[in-house]
Each structure stands twice: as C-alpha cells, then as structure tokens.
Amino acid sequence: MKSEPSRTCLGCREARPKSGLVRLIRVGSGVVVVDAAGRAAGRGAYVCPDTACVERALIRGRLAHAFRKPCVASQDLAAAVTTAGRRDPKNRRDAASVREADVMAARV
C-alpha cells in the first residue's frame, strides 16, 4: 500500500500529509493565490489551513523564499486559505472555480 506524500507547512514548518494542506501558487504578476484544485502548473508552496500558520508565512517573508522570486500575497489570502481548508478535497470542480475567481481578483 502506498503512503500519502507529505509536504512542509510554510508557517509551522511541520511535515504533514499533502491532503491536509492548502497549496499556494504564484501567478505571473507575482501575486500569491490559493490553488484549491491543486493542479496548477509550476512551483507550489503549502500551508496549514490555520490562520496562525498563514500569518507566520506572510510575516517572515517565507513566500518569496519558497517561490524563489519576489511575490506579494493577495489581499484575502488568509481567508482563502481557511476557506479552501474546509472544502472537501474530492470536490475538485468547485475548488477549481474558486481558484479562477482568486486569479481574476488578483489581476485587477
């Protein structure tokens, strides 16, 4: 039986199962948004769906280090992470629509 892959949270630096974390991506404009579907191309960073972990990741500048490029968090990144953490991971279609809305909002 295969074990589930693990990823390290940017905020608390603990290795957790991938399904329990929320994936963040950096769009071309340098804005970091939630990749709720978990299928966007490119480098991703993971964070626990906990407000404290998101705040620690933002305060210490870990996003720029994880993406290896300068970046800026979207305005409602903490709320989007919390919302994405509550979603059912099997409901990918609904999560993909949320990701599109985040990307569109980031471009404005």
N, C-alpha and C. Protein backbone atom coordinates (compact mmCIF):
# COMPACT_ATOMS: atom_id res chain seq x y z
N MET A 1 0.84 -1.18 0.00
CA MET A 1 0.00 0.00 0.00
C MET A 1 0.88 1.24 0.00
N LYS A 2 0.55 2.21 -0.88
CA LYS A 2 1.34 3.44 -0.96
C LYS A 2 0.97 4.40 0.16
N SER A 3 1.98 5.08 0.65
CA SER A 3 1.71 6.10 1.65
C SER A 3 1.48 7.44 0.95
N GLU A 4 0.73 8.29 1.59
CA GLU A 4 0.41 9.59 1.02
C GLU A 4 1.64 10.49 1.10
N PRO A 5 1.88 11.29 0.06
CA PRO A 5 3.04 12.20 0.11
C PRO A 5 2.85 13.27 1.20
N SER A 6 3.97 13.71 1.74
CA SER A 6 3.89 14.76 2.76
C SER A 6 4.57 16.01 2.24
N ARG A 7 4.15 17.15 2.77
CA ARG A 7 4.71 18.44 2.44
C ARG A 7 4.93 19.21 3.73
N THR A 8 5.79 20.21 3.70
CA THR A 8 6.10 21.02 4.88
C THR A 8 5.33 22.33 4.82
N CYS A 9 4.67 22.67 5.91
CA CYS A 9 3.93 23.92 6.03
C CYS A 9 4.91 25.08 6.13
N LEU A 10 4.63 26.16 5.42
CA LEU A 10 5.49 27.36 5.48
C LEU A 10 5.42 28.05 6.84
N GLY A 11 4.30 27.93 7.52
CA GLY A 11 4.13 28.64 8.78
C GLY A 11 4.74 27.91 9.97
N CYS A 12 4.32 26.67 10.20
CA CYS A 12 4.78 25.93 11.38
C CYS A 12 5.96 25.02 11.10
N ARG A 13 6.32 24.85 9.83
CA ARG A 13 7.46 24.04 9.39
C ARG A 13 7.33 22.56 9.77
N GLU A 14 6.09 22.08 9.93
CA GLU A 14 5.86 20.66 10.23
C GLU A 14 5.49 19.93 8.95
N ALA A 15 6.01 18.72 8.79
CA ALA A 15 5.65 17.88 7.65
C ALA A 15 4.30 17.24 7.94
N ARG A 16 3.37 17.41 7.01
CA ARG A 16 2.02 16.88 7.16
C ARG A 16 1.60 16.22 5.85
N PRO A 17 0.56 15.40 5.89
CA PRO A 17 0.07 14.81 4.63
C PRO A 17 -0.39 15.91 3.67
N LYS A 18 -0.12 15.71 2.41
CA LYS A 18 -0.42 16.70 1.38
C LYS A 18 -1.91 17.08 1.36
N SER A 19 -2.77 16.10 1.61
CA SER A 19 -4.21 16.37 1.56
C SER A 19 -4.68 17.28 2.69
N GLY A 20 -3.92 17.41 3.77
CA GLY A 20 -4.30 18.26 4.88
C GLY A 20 -3.81 19.69 4.77
N LEU A 21 -3.07 20.00 3.70
CA LEU A 21 -2.52 21.33 3.49
C LEU A 21 -3.18 22.01 2.30
N VAL A 22 -3.01 23.32 2.21
CA VAL A 22 -3.53 24.11 1.10
C VAL A 22 -2.36 24.55 0.24
N ARG A 23 -2.48 24.36 -1.07
CA ARG A 23 -1.40 24.71 -2.00
C ARG A 23 -1.53 26.17 -2.43
N LEU A 24 -0.43 26.88 -2.42
CA LEU A 24 -0.37 28.26 -2.89
C LEU A 24 0.46 28.29 -4.16
N ILE A 25 0.10 29.18 -5.08
CA ILE A 25 0.88 29.35 -6.29
C ILE A 25 1.14 30.83 -6.52
N ARG A 26 2.16 31.11 -7.30
CA ARG A 26 2.49 32.48 -7.68
C ARG A 26 2.09 32.65 -9.13
N VAL A 27 1.15 33.55 -9.40
CA VAL A 27 0.74 33.82 -10.78
C VAL A 27 1.79 34.71 -11.43
N GLY A 28 1.72 34.86 -12.73
CA GLY A 28 2.73 35.60 -13.49
C GLY A 28 2.99 37.01 -13.01
N SER A 29 1.99 37.65 -12.45
CA SER A 29 2.15 39.03 -11.98
C SER A 29 2.87 39.11 -10.63
N GLY A 30 3.15 37.95 -10.01
CA GLY A 30 3.85 37.94 -8.74
C GLY A 30 2.94 37.86 -7.54
N VAL A 31 1.64 37.74 -7.76
CA VAL A 31 0.67 37.65 -6.67
C VAL A 31 0.49 36.19 -6.28
N VAL A 32 0.48 35.91 -5.00
CA VAL A 32 0.29 34.56 -4.49
C VAL A 32 -1.19 34.34 -4.20
N VAL A 33 -1.75 33.27 -4.77
CA VAL A 33 -3.16 32.92 -4.57
C VAL A 33 -3.26 31.44 -4.21
N VAL A 34 -4.44 31.03 -3.79
CA VAL A 34 -4.70 29.64 -3.43
C VAL A 34 -4.95 28.83 -4.69
N ASP A 35 -4.31 27.69 -4.79
CA ASP A 35 -4.57 26.72 -5.86
C ASP A 35 -5.43 25.63 -5.25
N ALA A 36 -6.73 25.89 -5.15
CA ALA A 36 -7.64 24.98 -4.47
C ALA A 36 -7.75 23.63 -5.18
N ALA A 37 -7.61 23.62 -6.49
CA ALA A 37 -7.70 22.36 -7.23
C ALA A 37 -6.41 21.56 -7.10
N GLY A 38 -5.30 22.21 -6.80
CA GLY A 38 -4.03 21.53 -6.64
C GLY A 38 -3.42 21.05 -7.93
N ARG A 39 -3.80 21.66 -9.04
CA ARG A 39 -3.34 21.18 -10.35
C ARG A 39 -2.65 22.24 -11.20
N ALA A 40 -2.45 23.40 -10.68
CA ALA A 40 -1.82 24.46 -11.47
C ALA A 40 -0.36 24.11 -11.73
N ALA A 41 0.12 24.52 -12.88
CA ALA A 41 1.49 24.23 -13.25
C ALA A 41 2.46 25.09 -12.45
N GLY A 42 3.65 24.58 -12.27
CA GLY A 42 4.70 25.36 -11.64
C GLY A 42 4.91 25.03 -10.18
N ARG A 43 5.77 25.79 -9.58
CA ARG A 43 6.15 25.59 -8.19
C ARG A 43 5.00 25.96 -7.26
N GLY A 44 4.79 25.14 -6.26
CA GLY A 44 3.77 25.40 -5.26
C GLY A 44 4.37 25.44 -3.88
N ALA A 45 3.68 26.08 -2.98
CA ALA A 45 4.07 26.12 -1.57
C ALA A 45 2.84 25.71 -0.77
N TYR A 46 3.05 25.09 0.35
CA TYR A 46 1.95 24.55 1.14
C TYR A 46 1.89 25.20 2.51
N VAL A 47 0.66 25.35 3.00
CA VAL A 47 0.44 25.94 4.32
C VAL A 47 -0.76 25.25 4.96
N CYS A 48 -0.75 25.15 6.28
CA CYS A 48 -1.88 24.58 7.01
C CYS A 48 -3.08 25.51 6.86
N PRO A 49 -4.30 24.97 6.88
CA PRO A 49 -5.48 25.85 6.79
C PRO A 49 -5.79 26.50 8.14
N ASP A 50 -4.78 27.05 8.75
CA ASP A 50 -4.89 27.69 10.05
C ASP A 50 -4.43 29.13 9.90
N THR A 51 -5.15 30.06 10.46
CA THR A 51 -4.83 31.47 10.33
C THR A 51 -3.44 31.79 10.90
N ALA A 52 -3.08 31.16 11.99
CA ALA A 52 -1.77 31.43 12.60
C ALA A 52 -0.63 31.01 11.67
N CYS A 53 -0.77 29.88 11.01
CA CYS A 53 0.28 29.43 10.08
C CYS A 53 0.40 30.37 8.89
N VAL A 54 -0.74 30.82 8.38
CA VAL A 54 -0.72 31.75 7.24
C VAL A 54 -0.05 33.06 7.65
N GLU A 55 -0.38 33.57 8.82
CA GLU A 55 0.24 34.81 9.28
C GLU A 55 1.74 34.67 9.46
N ARG A 56 2.19 33.54 10.00
CA ARG A 56 3.63 33.32 10.15
C ARG A 56 4.32 33.24 8.80
N ALA A 57 3.68 32.62 7.83
CA ALA A 57 4.26 32.51 6.49
C ALA A 57 4.37 33.89 5.84
N LEU A 58 3.42 34.76 6.08
CA LEU A 58 3.42 36.09 5.49
C LEU A 58 4.39 37.04 6.19
N ILE A 59 4.45 36.99 7.50
CA ILE A 59 5.27 37.92 8.26
C ILE A 59 6.75 37.69 8.01
N ARG A 60 7.18 36.49 7.98
CA ARG A 60 8.60 36.19 7.91
C ARG A 60 9.15 36.16 6.49
N GLY A 61 8.35 36.47 5.50
CA GLY A 61 8.83 36.51 4.13
C GLY A 61 9.15 35.14 3.55
N ARG A 62 8.49 34.13 4.05
CA ARG A 62 8.76 32.78 3.57
C ARG A 62 8.21 32.52 2.17
N LEU A 63 7.22 33.30 1.75
CA LEU A 63 6.65 33.08 0.42
C LEU A 63 7.68 33.35 -0.66
N ALA A 64 8.41 34.44 -0.55
CA ALA A 64 9.42 34.76 -1.56
C ALA A 64 10.52 33.71 -1.58
N HIS A 65 10.86 33.19 -0.43
CA HIS A 65 11.88 32.14 -0.37
C HIS A 65 11.37 30.84 -1.01
N ALA A 66 10.12 30.49 -0.74
CA ALA A 66 9.56 29.25 -1.28
C ALA A 66 9.41 29.31 -2.79
N PHE A 67 9.02 30.46 -3.32
CA PHE A 67 8.82 30.59 -4.76
C PHE A 67 10.09 31.00 -5.51
N ARG A 68 11.12 31.35 -4.75
CA ARG A 68 12.41 31.74 -5.33
C ARG A 68 12.33 32.97 -6.23
N LYS A 69 11.31 33.78 -6.00
CA LYS A 69 11.11 35.02 -6.74
C LYS A 69 10.37 35.99 -5.84
N PRO A 70 10.48 37.28 -6.10
CA PRO A 70 9.70 38.24 -5.32
C PRO A 70 8.20 38.02 -5.54
N CYS A 71 7.43 38.14 -4.49
CA CYS A 71 5.99 37.94 -4.63
C CYS A 71 5.24 38.75 -3.57
N VAL A 72 3.96 38.90 -3.83
CA VAL A 72 3.07 39.65 -2.94
C VAL A 72 1.84 38.78 -2.69
N ALA A 73 1.41 38.70 -1.45
CA ALA A 73 0.22 37.92 -1.12
C ALA A 73 -1.03 38.67 -1.59
N SER A 74 -2.02 37.93 -2.07
CA SER A 74 -3.28 38.55 -2.46
C SER A 74 -3.94 39.14 -1.21
N GLN A 75 -4.87 40.05 -1.42
CA GLN A 75 -5.46 40.79 -0.31
C GLN A 75 -6.17 39.88 0.69
N ASP A 76 -6.83 38.86 0.21
CA ASP A 76 -7.61 37.99 1.10
C ASP A 76 -7.02 36.58 1.15
N LEU A 77 -5.71 36.47 1.15
CA LEU A 77 -5.07 35.16 1.12
C LEU A 77 -5.40 34.33 2.36
N ALA A 78 -5.36 34.93 3.53
CA ALA A 78 -5.66 34.18 4.76
C ALA A 78 -7.08 33.63 4.75
N ALA A 79 -8.04 34.43 4.31
CA ALA A 79 -9.42 33.97 4.25
C ALA A 79 -9.59 32.87 3.20
N ALA A 80 -8.91 33.01 2.06
CA ALA A 80 -9.00 32.00 1.01
C ALA A 80 -8.39 30.68 1.45
N VAL A 81 -7.29 30.73 2.21
CA VAL A 81 -6.67 29.50 2.71
C VAL A 81 -7.59 28.80 3.69
N THR A 82 -8.20 29.56 4.58
CA THR A 82 -9.12 28.98 5.55
C THR A 82 -10.32 28.35 4.86
N THR A 83 -10.86 29.03 3.85
CA THR A 83 -11.99 28.51 3.10
C THR A 83 -11.60 27.25 2.33
N ALA A 84 -10.46 27.25 1.70
CA ALA A 84 -10.01 26.09 0.93
C ALA A 84 -9.72 24.91 1.85
N GLY A 85 -9.30 25.16 3.06
CA GLY A 85 -9.03 24.10 4.02
C GLY A 85 -10.28 23.40 4.49
N ARG A 86 -11.41 24.08 4.44
CA ARG A 86 -12.68 23.49 4.85
C ARG A 86 -13.34 22.68 3.74
N ARG A 87 -12.94 22.86 2.51
CA ARG A 87 -13.57 22.18 1.38
C ARG A 87 -13.21 20.71 1.35
N ASP A 88 -14.09 19.93 0.75
CA ASP A 88 -13.85 18.50 0.56
C ASP A 88 -12.84 18.33 -0.57
N PRO A 89 -11.70 17.68 -0.34
CA PRO A 89 -10.70 17.55 -1.39
C PRO A 89 -11.18 16.75 -2.60
N LYS A 90 -12.22 15.97 -2.45
CA LYS A 90 -12.73 15.20 -3.58
C LYS A 90 -13.59 16.05 -4.51
N ASN A 91 -14.03 17.22 -4.04
CA ASN A 91 -14.87 18.10 -4.84
C ASN A 91 -13.98 19.07 -5.62
N ARG A 92 -13.28 18.57 -6.61
CA ARG A 92 -12.30 19.36 -7.35
C ARG A 92 -12.95 20.41 -8.25
N ARG A 93 -14.11 20.13 -8.79
CA ARG A 93 -14.74 21.07 -9.70
C ARG A 93 -15.08 22.38 -9.00
N ASP A 94 -15.64 22.31 -7.79
CA ASP A 94 -15.96 23.51 -7.03
C ASP A 94 -14.68 24.26 -6.64
N ALA A 95 -13.66 23.53 -6.28
CA ALA A 95 -12.39 24.16 -5.90
C ALA A 95 -11.75 24.87 -7.08
N ALA A 96 -11.88 24.31 -8.27
CA ALA A 96 -11.30 24.94 -9.46
C ALA A 96 -11.98 26.28 -9.75
N SER A 97 -13.27 26.38 -9.52
CA SER A 97 -13.96 27.64 -9.77
C SER A 97 -13.52 28.71 -8.78
N VAL A 98 -13.22 28.31 -7.55
CA VAL A 98 -12.73 29.26 -6.56
C VAL A 98 -11.36 29.77 -6.97
N ARG A 99 -10.51 28.90 -7.47
CA ARG A 99 -9.18 29.30 -7.91
C ARG A 99 -9.26 30.30 -9.04
N GLU A 100 -10.14 30.10 -10.01
CA GLU A 100 -10.30 31.04 -11.11
C GLU A 100 -10.72 32.41 -10.59
N ALA A 101 -11.61 32.44 -9.63
CA ALA A 101 -12.05 33.71 -9.05
C ALA A 101 -10.89 34.42 -8.35
N ASP A 102 -10.05 33.65 -7.65
CA ASP A 102 -8.89 34.25 -6.98
C ASP A 102 -7.91 34.84 -7.98
N VAL A 103 -7.66 34.13 -9.07
CA VAL A 103 -6.73 34.61 -10.07
C VAL A 103 -7.27 35.89 -10.73
N MET A 104 -8.53 35.90 -11.04
CA MET A 104 -9.14 37.08 -11.66
C MET A 104 -9.08 38.28 -10.72
N ALA A 105 -9.34 38.05 -9.43
CA ALA A 105 -9.30 39.14 -8.46
C ALA A 105 -7.86 39.66 -8.30
N ALA A 106 -6.90 38.78 -8.41
CA ALA A 106 -5.51 39.19 -8.25
C ALA A 106 -5.03 40.03 -9.43
N ARG A 107 -5.60 39.82 -10.59
CA ARG A 107 -5.18 40.56 -11.78
C ARG A 107 -5.69 41.99 -11.80
N VAL A 108 -6.76 42.25 -11.05
CA VAL A 108 -7.37 43.59 -11.05
C VAL A 108 -6.57 44.55 -10.23
